[in-house]
Amino acid sequence: MSMAIASSAVAASTDDADYRKEIETWRAKRVERLTAPNGWLSLVGLEWLKQGANTIGSARDNNIVIAKAPPHLGNIVLDRGRATFSLDPRAVNAAKIDGANQVGAELLDDSHEKPTLVSFGTANFHLIHRGEQFGLRIKDSAADTRVHFAGIDRFDIDPSWRIEATWEAYNPPREVEEGNILGQIDKVVVPGAATFERDGKTYKVEPIIENPGDTELFLVFADRTSGKETYGAARFLYADPPKNGRIVLDFNKAYNPPCAFTPYATCPLPTQQNRLDMRVTAGEKKYRGAHEE
């Protein structure tokens, strides 16, 4: 073997090892986020608010019953998109609002960078906004789903699934309709399309801008493994912004949505364009501890 060929082989081996280390590091951080005290595995409830007064607590006479809450935690008044929480005097020493002792506050929903957090013991809730509905996302760091986390099963790391796709920017960006598991339809912004080839066939996906001002693009996709080897509804994938007409889609970083772990999430579903007629044998597989789909 010539020196040039030997050097090339060593370089390729080093690149492959570095890439695998990158993916392993990404996987470890993914599990760390998932299993955090306030991560998705701690999600134990989703309760929608009605207009007007909504009493909250563990006692059965409340509008919203939360097992880990004091008997009468407080009251949320929803009035034309504004939610105000007031603590029951009997629960003053049992709960905190954004980590502080307060008797009440206006609740910022999850469209804000830091929604208002009401905590009590190992549990907490914050306000979410979906369409015209407002609800409470309830979490508990002692949830069975977190305590009995079954780990993540994945396909083997395959560098060939790190795909450099051609990027076609839409000018102006397009607005498309995207459904979610609640049956609601949201309008999302599609800045362009990524086109790539695999096994002699051409595929096209349209990532979205998840939140205004985001630099990363967000892809919700399904493929021919969905419902078999992988979670049925979809998998998620983030990608760095396109550069010089190219975008990297690394399917080794494809991961299960929160809905794979809990029935209380409100996950988006793939658009028709992002339902791939191919088997994406990379990224996360079905969760062994999943609830019924």
C-alpha atoms as a PDB file:
ATOM      1  CA  MET A   1       0.000   0.000   0.000  1.00  0.00           C
ATOM      2  CA  SER A   2       1.382   3.404  -0.974  1.00  0.00           C
ATOM      3  CA  MET A   3       1.949   6.088   1.644  1.00  0.00           C
ATOM      4  CA  ALA A   4      -0.781   8.256   0.037  1.00  0.00           C
ATOM      5  CA  ILE A   5      -3.388   5.473   0.195  1.00  0.00           C
ATOM      6  CA  ALA A   6      -2.410   4.600   3.763  1.00  0.00           C
ATOM      7  CA  SER A   7      -2.733   8.236   4.843  1.00  0.00           C
ATOM      8  CA  SER A   8      -6.148   8.489   3.177  1.00  0.00           C
ATOM      9  CA  ALA A   9      -7.361   5.349   4.972  1.00  0.00           C
ATOM     10  CA  VAL A  10      -6.187   6.675   8.343  1.00  0.00           C
ATOM     11  CA  ALA A  11      -7.913  10.011   7.707  1.00  0.00           C
ATOM     12  CA  ALA A  12     -11.169   8.285   6.764  1.00  0.00           C
ATOM     13  CA  SER A  13     -10.974   6.110   9.873  1.00  0.00           C
ATOM     14  CA  THR A  14     -10.356   9.163  12.052  1.00  0.00           C
ATOM     15  CA  ASP A  15     -13.266  11.056  10.466  1.00  0.00           C
ATOM     16  CA  ASP A  16     -15.567   8.074  11.026  1.00  0.00           C
ATOM     17  CA  ALA A  17     -14.489   7.754  14.669  1.00  0.00           C
ATOM     18  CA  ASP A  18     -14.981  11.491  15.255  1.00  0.00           C
ATOM     19  CA  TYR A  19     -18.447  11.342  13.713  1.00  0.00           C
ATOM     20  CA  ARG A  20     -19.486   8.390  15.838  1.00  0.00           C
ATOM     21  CA  LYS A  21     -18.238  10.204  18.936  1.00  0.00           C
ATOM     22  CA  GLU A  22     -20.310  13.240  17.924  1.00  0.00           C
ATOM     23  CA  ILE A  23     -23.466  11.136  17.618  1.00  0.00           C
ATOM     24  CA  GLU A  24     -22.809   9.317  20.910  1.00  0.00           C
ATOM     25  CA  THR A  25     -22.378  12.685  22.651  1.00  0.00           C
ATOM     26  CA  TRP A  26     -25.619  13.953  21.075  1.00  0.00           C
ATOM     27  CA  ARG A  27     -27.429  10.808  22.241  1.00  0.00           C
ATOM     28  CA  ALA A  28     -26.205  11.218  25.815  1.00  0.00           C
ATOM     29  CA  LYS A  29     -27.381  14.836  25.940  1.00  0.00           C
ATOM     30  CA  ARG A  30     -30.723  13.820  24.468  1.00  0.00           C
ATOM     31  CA  VAL A  31     -31.292  11.287  27.274  1.00  0.00           C
ATOM     32  CA  GLU A  32     -30.117  13.839  29.842  1.00  0.00           C
ATOM     33  CA  ARG A  33     -32.756  16.334  28.657  1.00  0.00           C
ATOM     34  CA  LEU A  34     -35.458  13.686  28.474  1.00  0.00           C
ATOM     35  CA  THR A  35     -34.837  12.376  31.989  1.00  0.00           C
ATOM     36  CA  ALA A  36     -34.344  15.762  33.651  1.00  0.00           C
ATOM     37  CA  PRO A  37     -36.624  16.458  36.660  1.00  0.00           C
ATOM     38  CA  ASN A  38     -38.780  18.702  34.470  1.00  0.00           C
ATOM     39  CA  GLY A  39     -38.252  16.777  31.211  1.00  0.00           C
ATOM     40  CA  TRP A  40     -40.900  15.126  29.077  1.00  0.00           C
ATOM     41  CA  LEU A  41     -40.867  11.938  31.172  1.00  0.00           C
ATOM     42  CA  SER A  42     -42.223  13.951  34.095  1.00  0.00           C
ATOM     43  CA  LEU A  43     -45.389  14.936  32.206  1.00  0.00           C
ATOM     44  CA  VAL A  44     -48.396  13.486  34.053  1.00  0.00           C
ATOM     45  CA  GLY A  45     -51.387  15.535  32.964  1.00  0.00           C
ATOM     46  CA  LEU A  46     -52.999  17.967  30.551  1.00  0.00           C
ATOM     47  CA  GLU A  47     -56.125  19.811  31.687  1.00  0.00           C
ATOM     48  CA  TRP A  48     -57.992  22.331  29.533  1.00  0.00           C
ATOM     49  CA  LEU A  49     -59.347  25.475  31.136  1.00  0.00           C
ATOM     50  CA  LYS A  50     -62.884  26.770  30.739  1.00  0.00           C
ATOM     51  CA  GLN A  51     -63.706  30.457  30.487  1.00  0.00           C
ATOM     52  CA  GLY A  52     -64.105  31.985  33.921  1.00  0.00           C
ATOM     53  CA  ALA A  53     -63.069  30.407  37.211  1.00  0.00           C
ATOM     54  CA  ASN A  54     -61.198  27.078  37.381  1.00  0.00           C
ATOM     55  CA  THR A  55     -60.507  25.734  40.869  1.00  0.00           C
ATOM     56  CA  ILE A  56     -57.470  23.470  41.293  1.00  0.00           C
ATOM     57  CA  GLY A  57     -56.447  20.976  43.973  1.00  0.00           C
ATOM     58  CA  SER A  58     -56.477  17.325  44.987  1.00  0.00           C
ATOM     59  CA  ALA A  59     -59.983  17.461  46.513  1.00  0.00           C
ATOM     60  CA  ARG A  60     -62.751  16.105  44.286  1.00  0.00           C
ATOM     61  CA  ASP A  61     -64.791  19.323  44.468  1.00  0.00           C
ATOM     62  CA  ASN A  62     -62.219  21.134  42.268  1.00  0.00           C
ATOM     63  CA  ASN A  63     -62.744  21.760  38.549  1.00  0.00           C
ATOM     64  CA  ILE A  64     -59.238  20.416  37.931  1.00  0.00           C
ATOM     65  CA  VAL A  65     -58.035  17.614  40.194  1.00  0.00           C
ATOM     66  CA  ILE A  66     -54.265  17.168  40.601  1.00  0.00           C
ATOM     67  CA  ALA A  67     -53.335  14.294  42.900  1.00  0.00           C
ATOM     68  CA  LYS A  68     -50.080  15.846  44.149  1.00  0.00           C
ATOM     69  CA  ALA A  69     -51.601  19.267  44.881  1.00  0.00           C
ATOM     70  CA  PRO A  70     -52.899  20.468  48.259  1.00  0.00           C
ATOM     71  CA  PRO A  71     -56.674  19.831  48.659  1.00  0.00           C
ATOM     72  CA  HIS A  72     -57.396  23.383  47.498  1.00  0.00           C
ATOM     73  CA  LEU A  73     -54.410  24.886  45.709  1.00  0.00           C
ATOM     74  CA  GLY A  74     -56.012  27.917  44.127  1.00  0.00           C
ATOM     75  CA  ASN A  75     -58.035  29.328  41.284  1.00  0.00           C
ATOM     76  CA  ILE A  76     -57.322  30.289  37.669  1.00  0.00           C
ATOM     77  CA  VAL A  77     -59.589  32.816  35.978  1.00  0.00           C
ATOM     78  CA  LEU A  78     -59.474  32.671  32.184  1.00  0.00           C
ATOM     79  CA  ASP A  79     -60.807  35.814  30.575  1.00  0.00           C
ATOM     80  CA  ARG A  80     -60.407  36.412  26.822  1.00  0.00           C
ATOM     81  CA  GLY A  81     -56.985  34.839  26.540  1.00  0.00           C
ATOM     82  CA  ARG A  82     -55.669  36.130  29.867  1.00  0.00           C
ATOM     83  CA  ALA A  83     -55.188  33.644  32.715  1.00  0.00           C
ATOM     84  CA  THR A  84     -54.751  34.856  36.287  1.00  0.00           C
ATOM     85  CA  PHE A  85     -53.844  32.505  39.134  1.00  0.00           C
ATOM     86  CA  SER A  86     -54.599  33.185  42.799  1.00  0.00           C
ATOM     87  CA  LEU A  87     -53.372  30.925  45.571  1.00  0.00           C
ATOM     88  CA  ASP A  88     -55.847  29.579  48.108  1.00  0.00           C
ATOM     89  CA  PRO A  89     -54.986  31.023  51.581  1.00  0.00           C
ATOM     90  CA  ARG A  90     -54.800  27.452  52.892  1.00  0.00           C
ATOM     91  CA  ALA A  91     -51.989  26.654  50.430  1.00  0.00           C
ATOM     92  CA  VAL A  92     -49.808  29.733  50.924  1.00  0.00           C
ATOM     93  CA  ASN A  93     -46.948  27.716  52.424  1.00  0.00           C
ATOM     94  CA  ALA A  94     -47.376  24.753  50.076  1.00  0.00           C
ATOM     95  CA  ALA A  95     -46.789  26.320  46.660  1.00  0.00           C
ATOM     96  CA  LYS A  96     -44.528  28.784  44.862  1.00  0.00           C
ATOM     97  CA  ILE A  97     -44.899  30.856  41.725  1.00  0.00           C
ATOM     98  CA  ASP A  98     -41.707  31.014  39.660  1.00  0.00           C
ATOM     99  CA  GLY A  99     -39.821  29.840  42.730  1.00  0.00           C
ATOM    100  CA  ALA A 100     -41.044  32.660  44.952  1.00  0.00           C
ATOM    101  CA  ASN A 101     -43.692  33.005  47.645  1.00  0.00           C
ATOM    102  CA  GLN A 102     -46.480  34.905  45.907  1.00  0.00           C
ATOM    103  CA  VAL A 103     -50.239  34.921  46.411  1.00  0.00           C
ATOM    104  CA  GLY A 104     -51.008  35.244  42.711  1.00  0.00           C
ATOM    105  CA  ALA A 105     -49.826  36.172  39.246  1.00  0.00           C
ATOM    106  CA  GLU A 106     -50.825  36.432  35.603  1.00  0.00           C
ATOM    107  CA  LEU A 107     -49.794  33.169  33.918  1.00  0.00           C
ATOM    108  CA  LEU A 108     -47.552  33.519  30.876  1.00  0.00           C
ATOM    109  CA  ASP A 109     -48.188  30.634  28.483  1.00  0.00           C
ATOM    110  CA  ASP A 110     -45.674  28.498  26.570  1.00  0.00           C
ATOM    111  CA  SER A 111     -45.463  30.948  23.679  1.00  0.00           C
ATOM    112  CA  HIS A 112     -43.139  32.886  26.006  1.00  0.00           C
ATOM    113  CA  GLU A 113     -39.518  31.886  26.557  1.00  0.00           C
ATOM    114  CA  LYS A 114     -40.242  31.245  30.242  1.00  0.00           C
ATOM    115  CA  PRO A 115     -43.876  30.428  30.990  1.00  0.00           C
ATOM    116  CA  THR A 116     -44.992  31.025  34.574  1.00  0.00           C
ATOM    117  CA  LEU A 117     -44.359  27.947  36.735  1.00  0.00           C
ATOM    118  CA  VAL A 118     -46.556  27.061  39.718  1.00  0.00           C
ATOM    119  CA  SER A 119     -44.835  24.381  41.830  1.00  0.00           C
ATOM    120  CA  PHE A 120     -45.931  22.303  44.836  1.00  0.00           C
ATOM    121  CA  GLY A 121     -43.871  19.430  46.238  1.00  0.00           C
ATOM    122  CA  THR A 122     -42.462  17.336  43.380  1.00  0.00           C
ATOM    123  CA  ALA A 123     -45.132  18.614  40.970  1.00  0.00           C
ATOM    124  CA  ASN A 124     -45.748  21.769  38.958  1.00  0.00           C
ATOM    125  CA  PHE A 125     -47.795  23.161  36.101  1.00  0.00           C
ATOM    126  CA  HIS A 126     -47.605  25.864  33.474  1.00  0.00           C
ATOM    127  CA  LEU A 127     -50.043  27.285  30.950  1.00  0.00           C
ATOM    128  CA  ILE A 128     -50.064  26.138  27.302  1.00  0.00           C
ATOM    129  CA  HIS A 129     -51.889  27.717  24.355  1.00  0.00           C
ATOM    130  CA  ARG A 130     -53.165  25.538  21.473  1.00  0.00           C
ATOM    131  CA  GLY A 131     -55.393  27.142  18.892  1.00  0.00           C
ATOM    132  CA  GLU A 132     -58.163  28.813  20.872  1.00  0.00           C
ATOM    133  CA  GLN A 133     -57.647  26.587  23.904  1.00  0.00           C
ATOM    134  CA  PHE A 134     -55.633  27.171  27.064  1.00  0.00           C
ATOM    135  CA  GLY A 135     -54.610  24.320  29.326  1.00  0.00           C
ATOM    136  CA  LEU A 136     -52.343  23.260  32.165  1.00  0.00           C
ATOM    137  CA  ARG A 137     -49.343  21.053  31.427  1.00  0.00           C
ATOM    138  CA  ILE A 138     -48.744  19.175  34.674  1.00  0.00           C
ATOM    139  CA  LYS A 139     -45.402  17.581  35.555  1.00  0.00           C
ATOM    140  CA  ASP A 140     -44.088  15.531  38.453  1.00  0.00           C
ATOM    141  CA  SER A 141     -40.406  14.691  38.934  1.00  0.00           C
ATOM    142  CA  ALA A 142     -41.507  11.526  40.762  1.00  0.00           C
ATOM    143  CA  ALA A 143     -43.687  10.330  37.850  1.00  0.00           C
ATOM    144  CA  ASP A 144     -43.641   6.604  37.111  1.00  0.00           C
ATOM    145  CA  THR A 145     -42.697   7.370  33.500  1.00  0.00           C
ATOM    146  CA  ARG A 146     -39.520   9.052  34.735  1.00  0.00           C
ATOM    147  CA  VAL A 147     -38.719   6.701  37.609  1.00  0.00           C
ATOM    148  CA  HIS A 148     -39.172   3.622  35.401  1.00  0.00           C
ATOM    149  CA  PHE A 149     -37.598   5.012  32.207  1.00  0.00           C
ATOM    150  CA  ALA A 150     -36.846   2.060  29.921  1.00  0.00           C
ATOM    151  CA  GLY A 151     -33.998   3.628  27.946  1.00  0.00           C
ATOM    152  CA  ILE A 152     -33.788   4.439  24.244  1.00  0.00           C
ATOM    153  CA  ASP A 153     -33.413   1.833  21.488  1.00  0.00           C
ATOM    154  CA  ARG A 154     -31.761   3.044  18.311  1.00  0.00           C
ATOM    155  CA  PHE A 155     -30.558   1.919  14.924  1.00  0.00           C
ATOM    156  CA  ASP A 156     -26.803   1.537  14.633  1.00  0.00           C
ATOM    157  CA  ILE A 157     -24.953   4.717  13.768  1.00  0.00           C
ATOM    158  CA  ASP A 158     -24.658   4.880   9.984  1.00  0.00           C
ATOM    159  CA  PRO A 159     -22.698   7.819   8.510  1.00  0.00           C
ATOM    160  CA  SER A 160     -24.525   7.364   5.189  1.00  0.00           C
ATOM    161  CA  TRP A 161     -27.639   8.761   6.855  1.00  0.00           C
ATOM    162  CA  ARG A 162     -25.895  12.082   7.375  1.00  0.00           C
ATOM    163  CA  ILE A 163     -27.276  13.512   4.151  1.00  0.00           C
ATOM    164  CA  GLU A 164     -26.177  16.733   2.519  1.00  0.00           C
ATOM    165  CA  ALA A 165     -29.280  17.831   0.644  1.00  0.00           C
ATOM    166  CA  THR A 166     -29.848  20.540  -1.938  1.00  0.00           C
ATOM    167  CA  TRP A 167     -31.683  23.532  -0.503  1.00  0.00           C
ATOM    168  CA  GLU A 168     -34.326  25.426  -2.464  1.00  0.00           C
ATOM    169  CA  ALA A 169     -35.301  28.606  -0.652  1.00  0.00           C
ATOM    170  CA  TYR A 170     -38.881  29.802  -1.013  1.00  0.00           C
ATOM    171  CA  ASN A 171     -39.113  33.519  -1.666  1.00  0.00           C
ATOM    172  CA  PRO A 172     -41.268  34.474   0.070  1.00  0.00           C
ATOM    173  CA  PRO A 173     -41.501  31.629   2.617  1.00  0.00           C
ATOM    174  CA  ARG A 174     -44.702  29.590   2.353  1.00  0.00           C
ATOM    175  CA  GLU A 175     -47.345  29.126   4.998  1.00  0.00           C
ATOM    176  CA  VAL A 176     -48.768  25.607   5.175  1.00  0.00           C
ATOM    177  CA  GLU A 177     -51.237  23.799   7.409  1.00  0.00           C
ATOM    178  CA  GLU A 178     -49.878  21.244   9.888  1.00  0.00           C
ATOM    179  CA  GLY A 179     -52.078  19.032  12.073  1.00  0.00           C
ATOM    180  CA  ASN A 180     -51.424  17.828  15.597  1.00  0.00           C
ATOM    181  CA  ILE A 181     -52.598  14.827  17.598  1.00  0.00           C
ATOM    182  CA  LEU A 182     -55.440  16.888  19.111  1.00  0.00           C
ATOM    183  CA  GLY A 183     -56.972  17.206  15.659  1.00  0.00           C
ATOM    184  CA  GLN A 184     -56.160  20.900  15.485  1.00  0.00           C
ATOM    185  CA  ILE A 185     -54.643  22.578  12.436  1.00  0.00           C
ATOM    186  CA  ASP A 186     -51.835  25.093  12.832  1.00  0.00           C
ATOM    187  CA  LYS A 187     -50.294  27.334  10.203  1.00  0.00           C
ATOM    188  CA  VAL A 188     -46.515  26.991  10.033  1.00  0.00           C
ATOM    189  CA  VAL A 189     -43.824  28.760   8.039  1.00  0.00           C
ATOM    190  CA  VAL A 190     -41.870  26.738   5.462  1.00  0.00           C
ATOM    191  CA  PRO A 191     -38.750  28.636   4.333  1.00  0.00           C
ATOM    192  CA  GLY A 192     -37.752  26.117   1.654  1.00  0.00           C
ATOM    193  CA  ALA A 193     -37.300  22.503   0.632  1.00  0.00           C
ATOM    194  CA  ALA A 194     -34.461  19.982   0.990  1.00  0.00           C
ATOM    195  CA  THR A 195     -33.992  17.488  -1.852  1.00  0.00           C
ATOM    196  CA  PHE A 196     -31.753  14.417  -1.707  1.00  0.00           C
ATOM    197  CA  GLU A 197     -31.176  11.057  -3.359  1.00  0.00           C
ATOM    198  CA  ARG A 198     -31.147   7.657  -1.690  1.00  0.00           C
ATOM    199  CA  ASP A 199     -30.796   4.315  -3.457  1.00  0.00           C
ATOM    200  CA  GLY A 200     -31.394   5.911  -6.833  1.00  0.00           C
ATOM    201  CA  LYS A 201     -34.588   7.742  -5.826  1.00  0.00           C
ATOM    202  CA  THR A 202     -35.168  11.438  -5.141  1.00  0.00           C
ATOM    203  CA  TYR A 203     -36.914  12.665  -2.001  1.00  0.00           C
ATOM    204  CA  LYS A 204     -38.056  16.095  -0.889  1.00  0.00           C
ATOM    205  CA  VAL A 205     -38.912  17.383   2.586  1.00  0.00           C
ATOM    206  CA  GLU A 206     -39.978  20.776   3.880  1.00  0.00           C
ATOM    207  CA  PRO A 207     -38.623  21.729   7.329  1.00  0.00           C
ATOM    208  CA  ILE A 208     -40.367  24.531   9.171  1.00  0.00           C
ATOM    209  CA  ILE A 209     -39.428  27.462  11.370  1.00  0.00           C
ATOM    210  CA  GLU A 210     -40.748  26.207  14.703  1.00  0.00           C
ATOM    211  CA  ASN A 211     -40.707  29.568  16.499  1.00  0.00           C
ATOM    212  CA  PRO A 212     -40.169  33.095  15.118  1.00  0.00           C
ATOM    213  CA  GLY A 213     -36.489  33.992  15.256  1.00  0.00           C
ATOM    214  CA  ASP A 214     -35.246  30.375  15.342  1.00  0.00           C
ATOM    215  CA  THR A 215     -32.077  29.693  13.373  1.00  0.00           C
ATOM    216  CA  GLU A 216     -32.412  25.896  13.375  1.00  0.00           C
ATOM    217  CA  LEU A 217     -35.005  24.296  11.106  1.00  0.00           C
ATOM    218  CA  PHE A 218     -37.414  21.664  12.397  1.00  0.00           C
ATOM    219  CA  LEU A 219     -38.535  18.594  10.461  1.00  0.00           C
ATOM    220  CA  VAL A 220     -41.484  16.405  11.461  1.00  0.00           C
ATOM    221  CA  PHE A 221     -41.391  13.300   9.271  1.00  0.00           C
ATOM    222  CA  ALA A 222     -42.754   9.790   8.897  1.00  0.00           C
ATOM    223  CA  ASP A 223     -41.408   6.957   6.773  1.00  0.00           C
ATOM    224  CA  ARG A 224     -41.984   3.293   6.017  1.00  0.00           C
ATOM    225  CA  THR A 225     -40.620   2.239   9.431  1.00  0.00           C
ATOM    226  CA  SER A 226     -43.294   4.338  11.203  1.00  0.00           C
ATOM    227  CA  GLY A 227     -45.626   2.186  13.246  1.00  0.00           C
ATOM    228  CA  LYS A 228     -43.359  -0.819  12.833  1.00  0.00           C
ATOM    229  CA  GLU A 229     -39.774  -0.256  13.954  1.00  0.00           C
ATOM    230  CA  THR A 230     -40.286   3.381  14.894  1.00  0.00           C
ATOM    231  CA  TYR A 231     -42.978   5.464  16.581  1.00  0.00           C
ATOM    232  CA  GLY A 232     -46.117   5.512  14.471  1.00  0.00           C
ATOM    233  CA  ALA A 233     -47.027   9.186  14.398  1.00  0.00           C
ATOM    234  CA  ALA A 234     -43.695  10.763  13.455  1.00  0.00           C
ATOM    235  CA  ARG A 235     -40.122  11.454  14.406  1.00  0.00           C
ATOM    236  CA  PHE A 236     -38.438  14.816  14.851  1.00  0.00           C
ATOM    237  CA  LEU A 237     -35.192  16.198  13.456  1.00  0.00           C
ATOM    238  CA  TYR A 238     -33.451  19.558  13.764  1.00  0.00           C
ATOM    239  CA  ALA A 239     -31.059  20.914  11.132  1.00  0.00           C
ATOM    240  CA  ASP A 240     -28.643  23.819  11.067  1.00  0.00           C
ATOM    241  CA  PRO A 241     -29.542  26.673   8.678  1.00  0.00           C
ATOM    242  CA  PRO A 242     -28.767  25.997   4.994  1.00  0.00           C
ATOM    243  CA  LYS A 243     -25.502  27.329   3.640  1.00  0.00           C
ATOM    244  CA  ASN A 244     -24.507  27.886   0.018  1.00  0.00           C
ATOM    245  CA  GLY A 245     -27.569  26.069  -1.246  1.00  0.00           C
ATOM    246  CA  ARG A 246     -26.984  22.964   0.906  1.00  0.00           C
ATOM    247  CA  ILE A 247     -28.458  21.661   4.153  1.00  0.00           C
ATOM    248  CA  VAL A 248     -27.399  18.705   6.314  1.00  0.00           C
ATOM    249  CA  LEU A 249     -30.122  16.283   7.405  1.00  0.00           C
ATOM    250  CA  ASP A 250     -28.554  13.909   9.898  1.00  0.00           C
ATOM    251  CA  PHE A 251     -31.122  11.165  10.414  1.00  0.00           C
ATOM    252  CA  ASN A 252     -28.884   9.553  13.049  1.00  0.00           C
ATOM    253  CA  LYS A 253     -30.249  12.392  15.199  1.00  0.00           C
ATOM    254  CA  ALA A 254     -33.908  11.607  14.420  1.00  0.00           C
ATOM    255  CA  TYR A 255     -35.733  11.217  17.713  1.00  0.00           C
ATOM    256  CA  ASN A 256     -39.102  10.279  19.171  1.00  0.00           C
ATOM    257  CA  PRO A 257     -41.599  13.055  19.922  1.00  0.00           C
ATOM    258  CA  PRO A 258     -42.874  13.524  23.478  1.00  0.00           C
ATOM    259  CA  CYS A 259     -46.069  11.682  22.469  1.00  0.00           C
ATOM    260  CA  ALA A 260     -44.061   8.451  22.316  1.00  0.00           C
ATOM    261  CA  PHE A 261     -43.519   8.697  26.074  1.00  0.00           C
ATOM    262  CA  THR A 262     -46.703  10.270  27.404  1.00  0.00           C
ATOM    263  CA  PRO A 263     -50.359  10.617  26.352  1.00  0.00           C
ATOM    264  CA  TYR A 264     -50.403  14.203  27.620  1.00  0.00           C
ATOM    265  CA  ALA A 265     -48.270  15.881  24.926  1.00  0.00           C
ATOM    266  CA  THR A 266     -49.621  17.828  21.932  1.00  0.00           C
ATOM    267  CA  CYS A 267     -47.261  16.769  19.147  1.00  0.00           C
ATOM    268  CA  PRO A 268     -47.404  17.989  15.556  1.00  0.00           C
ATOM    269  CA  LEU A 269     -47.922  15.510  12.711  1.00  0.00           C
ATOM    270  CA  PRO A 270     -46.065  15.359   9.391  1.00  0.00           C
ATOM    271  CA  THR A 271     -47.455  17.173   6.379  1.00  0.00           C
ATOM    272  CA  GLN A 272     -48.071  15.017   3.306  1.00  0.00           C
ATOM    273  CA  GLN A 273     -44.806  16.293   1.808  1.00  0.00           C
ATOM    274  CA  ASN A 274     -42.861  14.957   4.795  1.00  0.00           C
ATOM    275  CA  ARG A 275     -44.246  11.404   4.638  1.00  0.00           C
ATOM    276  CA  LEU A 276     -41.360   9.582   2.982  1.00  0.00           C
ATOM    277  CA  ASP A 277     -41.833   6.494   0.830  1.00  0.00           C
ATOM    278  CA  MET A 278     -38.617   4.978   2.141  1.00  0.00           C
ATOM    279  CA  ARG A 279     -37.252   3.247   5.229  1.00  0.00           C
ATOM    280  CA  VAL A 280     -35.195   5.624   7.355  1.00  0.00           C
ATOM    281  CA  THR A 281     -33.180   3.071   9.327  1.00  0.00           C
ATOM    282  CA  ALA A 282     -31.435   5.634  11.504  1.00  0.00           C
ATOM    283  CA  GLY A 283     -32.170   7.400  14.757  1.00  0.00           C
ATOM    284  CA  GLU A 284     -34.483   6.293  17.537  1.00  0.00           C
ATOM    285  CA  LYS A 285     -36.711   3.223  17.404  1.00  0.00           C
ATOM    286  CA  LYS A 286     -40.024   2.593  19.186  1.00  0.00           C
ATOM    287  CA  TYR A 287     -39.941   3.222  22.920  1.00  0.00           C
ATOM    288  CA  ARG A 288     -40.243  -0.065  24.835  1.00  0.00           C
ATOM    289  CA  GLY A 289     -42.073   1.582  27.712  1.00  0.00           C
ATOM    290  CA  ALA A 290     -44.542   3.435  25.524  1.00  0.00           C
ATOM    291  CA  HIS A 291     -48.195   3.917  26.381  1.00  0.00           C
ATOM    292  CA  GLU A 292     -50.793   2.652  23.888  1.00  0.00           C
ATOM    293  CA  GLU A 293     -50.629   4.561  20.609  1.00  0.00           C
END
